[in-house]
Amino acid sequence: KIWLDVDNLDDVGKLEESVADSATFIIFLSSGYFRSWNCRRELYAALASVRPFIVVHEADTAKGGASLAALRDECRDSCVEVAPPAYPSYSGPGEVLTRVFEEAEPIVWVRVH
């Protein structure tokens, strides 16, 4: 079963709980992902739950994508919370950079049309 926040989340207050109930965490990495507080809430919950990550990268800037270098910069600038509620032992942007960009190479999203 695949749960998608924009389709399946009835109460944004249950975002972290929904992530904790998942077996794998899939990130659709696009421009603005790390600037979104709710995306970071999901991300911190996934980090705290030690779930496997699958990172899908939208590279096409015409479709909201960005280069990996730009996304890394966005992560460094945005993932700066100290002890977010879902993950009080969060150690900062370096932890996200490692999990999202280094543990496995992001998979490029390819459109057929």
Foldseek 3Di string as FASTA:
>chain_A
DDDDCVPHPPDLVCLLVVLLPDQEAEAEDFPCQLVDPSSLSSVQSCVQNVHQYAYEAAPDVVVRHHDPVVSLVSLQVRFADALDVNHNVDDHSVVVCCRHPNPDHHHYDDDPD
